[in-house]
C-alpha atoms as a PDB file:
ATOM      1  CA  MET A   1       0.130   0.041   0.286  1.00  0.00           C
ATOM      2  CA  THR A   2       0.994   3.654  -0.725  1.00  0.00           C
ATOM      3  CA  ALA A   3       1.704   5.776   1.812  1.00  0.00           C
ATOM      4  CA  VAL A   4       0.098   9.254   2.134  1.00  0.00           C
ATOM      5  CA  PRO A   5       0.895  12.189   4.010  1.00  0.00           C
ATOM      6  CA  GLY A   6      -0.985  13.689   6.853  1.00  0.00           C
ATOM      7  CA  ILE A   7      -2.079  10.418   7.509  1.00  0.00           C
ATOM      8  CA  ARG A   8       0.028   7.290   9.689  1.00  0.00           C
ATOM      9  CA  ALA A   9      -1.319   3.816   9.083  1.00  0.00           C
ATOM     10  CA  SER A  10      -0.316   0.858  11.697  1.00  0.00           C
ATOM     11  CA  TYR A  11       0.496  -2.119   9.578  1.00  0.00           C
ATOM     12  CA  GLU A  12       0.470  -5.308  10.572  1.00  0.00           C
ATOM     13  CA  LYS A  13      -0.368  -9.491   9.658  1.00  0.00           C
ATOM     14  CA  GLU A  14      -4.829  -8.570   8.649  1.00  0.00           C
ATOM     15  CA  LYS A  15      -4.754  -5.509  10.343  1.00  0.00           C
ATOM     16  CA  LEU A  16      -4.915  -2.105   9.688  1.00  0.00           C
ATOM     17  CA  THR A  17      -5.169   0.847  11.938  1.00  0.00           C
ATOM     18  CA  PHE A  18      -5.647   4.702  11.791  1.00  0.00           C
ATOM     19  CA  PRO A  19      -7.393   7.430  13.045  1.00  0.00           C
ATOM     20  CA  ILE A  20      -9.823   9.459  11.012  1.00  0.00           C
ATOM     21  CA  THR A  21     -10.682  13.163  10.823  1.00  0.00           C
ATOM     22  CA  PHE A  22     -12.516  14.520   8.269  1.00  0.00           C
ATOM     23  CA  PRO A  23      -9.504  16.107   6.471  1.00  0.00           C
ATOM     24  CA  LEU A  24      -8.762  11.886   6.363  1.00  0.00           C
ATOM     25  CA  LEU A  25     -12.533  11.225   5.290  1.00  0.00           C
ATOM     26  CA  PRO A  26     -11.373  10.725   1.510  1.00  0.00           C
ATOM     27  CA  MET A  27      -8.523   8.303   2.539  1.00  0.00           C
ATOM     28  CA  VAL A  28     -10.515   6.087   3.995  1.00  0.00           C
ATOM     29  CA  ARG A  29     -11.449   4.470   0.812  1.00  0.00           C
ATOM     30  CA  PHE A  30      -8.718   4.056  -0.494  1.00  0.00           C
ATOM     31  CA  TYR A  31      -7.230   2.529   2.568  1.00  0.00           C
ATOM     32  CA  VAL A  32      -9.871   0.156   3.111  1.00  0.00           C
ATOM     33  CA  ARG A  33      -9.973  -0.344  -0.608  1.00  0.00           C
ATOM     34  CA  GLU A  34      -6.584  -1.741  -0.799  1.00  0.00           C
ATOM     35  CA  TRP A  35      -6.952  -3.304   2.450  1.00  0.00           C
ATOM     36  CA  ALA A  36      -9.930  -5.691   1.679  1.00  0.00           C
ATOM     37  CA  ALA A  37      -8.566  -6.232  -1.983  1.00  0.00           C
ATOM     38  CA  VAL A  38      -5.235  -7.194  -0.340  1.00  0.00           C
ATOM     39  CA  SER A  39      -7.144  -9.230   1.710  1.00  0.00           C
ATOM     40  CA  GLY A  40      -8.763 -10.963  -1.586  1.00  0.00           C
ATOM     41  CA  LEU A  41     -12.255  -9.595  -1.252  1.00  0.00           C
ATOM     42  CA  PRO A  42     -14.334  -9.995  -4.519  1.00  0.00           C
ATOM     43  CA  ARG A  43     -14.399  -7.054  -6.025  1.00  0.00           C
ATOM     44  CA  ASP A  44     -18.542  -6.519  -5.092  1.00  0.00           C
ATOM     45  CA  ARG A  45     -18.357  -7.183  -1.883  1.00  0.00           C
ATOM     46  CA  ARG A  46     -15.502  -5.176  -1.625  1.00  0.00           C
ATOM     47  CA  GLU A  47     -17.129  -2.203  -2.752  1.00  0.00           C
ATOM     48  CA  ALA A  48     -19.926  -2.974  -0.021  1.00  0.00           C
ATOM     49  CA  PHE A  49     -17.412  -3.281   3.064  1.00  0.00           C
ATOM     50  CA  VAL A  50     -15.509  -0.055   1.649  1.00  0.00           C
ATOM     51  CA  LEU A  51     -19.023   1.871   1.426  1.00  0.00           C
ATOM     52  CA  ALA A  52     -19.945   0.820   4.866  1.00  0.00           C
ATOM     53  CA  ALA A  53     -16.752   1.842   6.524  1.00  0.00           C
ATOM     54  CA  TYR A  54     -16.793   5.633   4.800  1.00  0.00           C
ATOM     55  CA  GLU A  55     -20.549   6.188   6.302  1.00  0.00           C
ATOM     56  CA  THR A  56     -19.688   4.456   9.866  1.00  0.00           C
ATOM     57  CA  ALA A  57     -16.577   6.395   9.756  1.00  0.00           C
ATOM     58  CA  CYS A  58     -18.240   9.734   8.554  1.00  0.00           C
ATOM     59  CA  ASN A  59     -20.698   8.604  11.437  1.00  0.00           C
ATOM     60  CA  ALA A  60     -18.282   8.819  13.712  1.00  0.00           C
ATOM     61  CA  VAL A  61     -16.793  12.420  12.308  1.00  0.00           C
ATOM     62  CA  LEU A  62     -19.862  14.467  12.198  1.00  0.00           C
ATOM     63  CA  HIS A  63     -21.316  13.190  15.513  1.00  0.00           C
ATOM     64  CA  GLY A  64     -18.616  11.158  17.459  1.00  0.00           C
ATOM     65  CA  GLY A  65     -16.507  13.712  18.377  1.00  0.00           C
ATOM     66  CA  GLY A  66     -15.169  15.573  15.323  1.00  0.00           C
ATOM     67  CA  HIS A  67     -12.625  12.175  15.233  1.00  0.00           C
ATOM     68  CA  GLY A  68     -12.055   9.047  15.589  1.00  0.00           C
ATOM     69  CA  LEU A  69     -10.436   5.352  15.292  1.00  0.00           C
ATOM     70  CA  LEU A  70     -11.105   2.596  12.351  1.00  0.00           C
ATOM     71  CA  ARG A  71      -9.832  -0.893  13.129  1.00  0.00           C
ATOM     72  CA  LEU A  72      -9.406  -3.368  10.380  1.00  0.00           C
ATOM     73  CA  TYR A  73      -8.662  -6.871  10.524  1.00  0.00           C
ATOM     74  CA  GLU A  74      -9.199 -10.571   9.545  1.00  0.00           C
ATOM     75  CA  HIS A  75     -11.129 -13.218  11.778  1.00  0.00           C
ATOM     76  CA  HIS A  76     -12.596 -16.899  10.918  1.00  0.00           C
ATOM     77  CA  GLY A  77     -12.566 -16.320   7.674  1.00  0.00           C
ATOM     78  CA  ALA A  78     -14.206 -12.691   7.505  1.00  0.00           C
ATOM     79  CA  LEU A  79     -12.955  -8.888   7.369  1.00  0.00           C
ATOM     80  CA  HIS A  80     -13.853  -6.756  10.424  1.00  0.00           C
ATOM     81  CA  CYS A  81     -13.929  -3.067  10.552  1.00  0.00           C
ATOM     82  CA  GLN A  82     -14.504  -1.391  14.181  1.00  0.00           C
ATOM     83  CA  VAL A  83     -14.928   2.222  14.007  1.00  0.00           C
ATOM     84  CA  PHE A  84     -14.158   3.819  16.973  1.00  0.00           C
ATOM     85  CA  ASP A  85     -15.594   8.052  18.666  1.00  0.00           C
ATOM     86  CA  GLN A  86     -15.575   9.393  21.579  1.00  0.00           C
ATOM     87  CA  GLY A  87     -19.206  10.844  21.138  1.00  0.00           C
ATOM     88  CA  PRO A  88     -22.552  10.979  22.606  1.00  0.00           C
ATOM     89  CA  GLY A  89     -23.962   7.356  22.087  1.00  0.00           C
ATOM     90  CA  PHE A  90     -27.061   6.866  20.548  1.00  0.00           C
ATOM     91  CA  PHE A  91     -30.437   4.145  20.981  1.00  0.00           C
ATOM     92  CA  ALA A  92     -29.440   1.886  18.128  1.00  0.00           C
ATOM     93  CA  ASP A  93     -33.092  -0.022  18.114  1.00  0.00           C
ATOM     94  CA  ALA A  94     -33.095  -0.385  14.776  1.00  0.00           C
ATOM     95  CA  ASP A  95     -33.706  -4.218  13.303  1.00  0.00           C
ATOM     96  CA  ALA A  96     -31.932  -5.442  10.618  1.00  0.00           C
ATOM     97  CA  ASP A  97     -34.460  -6.544   8.870  1.00  0.00           C
ATOM     98  CA  ALA A  98     -36.622  -3.262   8.697  1.00  0.00           C
ATOM     99  CA  GLU A  99     -37.238  -1.266   5.947  1.00  0.00           C
ATOM    100  CA  ALA A 100     -35.730   1.846   4.831  1.00  0.00           C
ATOM    101  CA  PRO A 101     -36.009   4.557   6.961  1.00  0.00           C
ATOM    102  CA  GLU A 102     -37.948   7.377   5.854  1.00  0.00           C
ATOM    103  CA  SER A 103     -36.378  10.445   4.648  1.00  0.00           C
ATOM    104  CA  CYS A 104     -35.705  13.549   6.841  1.00  0.00           C
ATOM    105  CA  GLY A 105     -34.799  15.607   4.274  1.00  0.00           C
ATOM    106  CA  THR A 106     -31.420  17.052   5.147  1.00  0.00           C
ATOM    107  CA  THR A 107     -31.433  16.061   8.889  1.00  0.00           C
ATOM    108  CA  THR A 108     -28.300  14.786   9.878  1.00  0.00           C
ATOM    109  CA  ASP A 109     -29.928  12.104  12.266  1.00  0.00           C
ATOM    110  CA  SER A 110     -32.305   9.963   9.291  1.00  0.00           C
ATOM    111  CA  LYS A 111     -30.139   6.773  11.096  1.00  0.00           C
ATOM    112  CA  ARG A 112     -30.058   6.217   6.587  1.00  0.00           C
ATOM    113  CA  GLY A 113     -26.597   4.815   6.958  1.00  0.00           C
ATOM    114  CA  LEU A 114     -26.442   2.748   9.472  1.00  0.00           C
ATOM    115  CA  TRP A 115     -29.660   0.768   7.973  1.00  0.00           C
ATOM    116  CA  MET A 116     -27.329   1.109   4.979  1.00  0.00           C
ATOM    117  CA  VAL A 117     -24.172  -0.802   6.849  1.00  0.00           C
ATOM    118  CA  ARG A 118     -26.455  -3.459   8.289  1.00  0.00           C
ATOM    119  CA  GLN A 119     -27.973  -4.147   4.348  1.00  0.00           C
ATOM    120  CA  LEU A 120     -24.475  -4.318   3.109  1.00  0.00           C
ATOM    121  CA  THR A 121     -22.625  -6.247   5.659  1.00  0.00           C
ATOM    122  CA  ASP A 122     -22.957  -9.915   7.042  1.00  0.00           C
ATOM    123  CA  HIS A 123     -22.744  -8.740  11.140  1.00  0.00           C
ATOM    124  CA  LEU A 124     -23.306  -5.333  12.696  1.00  0.00           C
ATOM    125  CA  LYS A 125     -23.351  -5.100  16.414  1.00  0.00           C
ATOM    126  CA  ILE A 126     -23.514  -0.820  17.600  1.00  0.00           C
ATOM    127  CA  THR A 127     -22.286  -0.506  21.636  1.00  0.00           C
ATOM    128  CA  THR A 128     -21.903   3.076  23.441  1.00  0.00           C
ATOM    129  CA  ASP A 129     -20.781   3.411  26.816  1.00  0.00           C
ATOM    130  CA  THR A 130     -20.216   7.120  28.575  1.00  0.00           C
ATOM    131  CA  THR A 131     -16.728   6.489  26.990  1.00  0.00           C
ATOM    132  CA  GLY A 132     -18.200   6.127  23.281  1.00  0.00           C
ATOM    133  CA  THR A 133     -19.395   4.442  21.254  1.00  0.00           C
ATOM    134  CA  VAL A 134     -18.208   1.425  18.618  1.00  0.00           C
ATOM    135  CA  VAL A 135     -19.593   0.015  15.386  1.00  0.00           C
ATOM    136  CA  SER A 136     -18.428  -3.364  13.999  1.00  0.00           C
ATOM    137  CA  PHE A 137     -19.116  -5.270  11.332  1.00  0.00           C
ATOM    138  CA  ALA A 138     -18.162  -7.444   8.841  1.00  0.00           C
ATOM    139  CA  ILE A 139     -18.115  -9.389   5.649  1.00  0.00           C
ATOM    140  CA  THR A 140     -17.450 -13.782   5.175  1.00  0.00           C
ATOM    141  CA  LEU A 141     -14.741 -14.464   2.886  1.00  0.00           C
ATOM    142  CA  PRO A 142     -15.384 -16.370   0.299  1.00  0.00           C
ATOM    143  CA  PRO A 143     -13.991 -19.474   0.546  1.00  0.00           C
END
């Protein structure tokens, strides 16, 4: 992977961790796409994974205190993404099989992004406590 000025990514075998801030959001797509390609995720699933990671990172920056941390790793035949932030949290009550939320115009609290992440991935877990929120999702690798 190519180094990019302004971002310090920590590489280990099957793991990538880097900070997320508003100026670094465009790099989320680049790093996640490259990492998922090297990990063997087919293109269609790779783009779903990239979109889910980008949406989750944007949520962390916009609603979670302006910054966060994105962690990618492979475990038990799946690619995992975790996004950590220090925001106030929210109630993660949307059902994975629920219909898409109604359009809320220009509001930023529509929950459409998290609904989309649920639809694009095989697993989604949202944990909120007094220290912030962790959004974790996974997509299964092909056999």
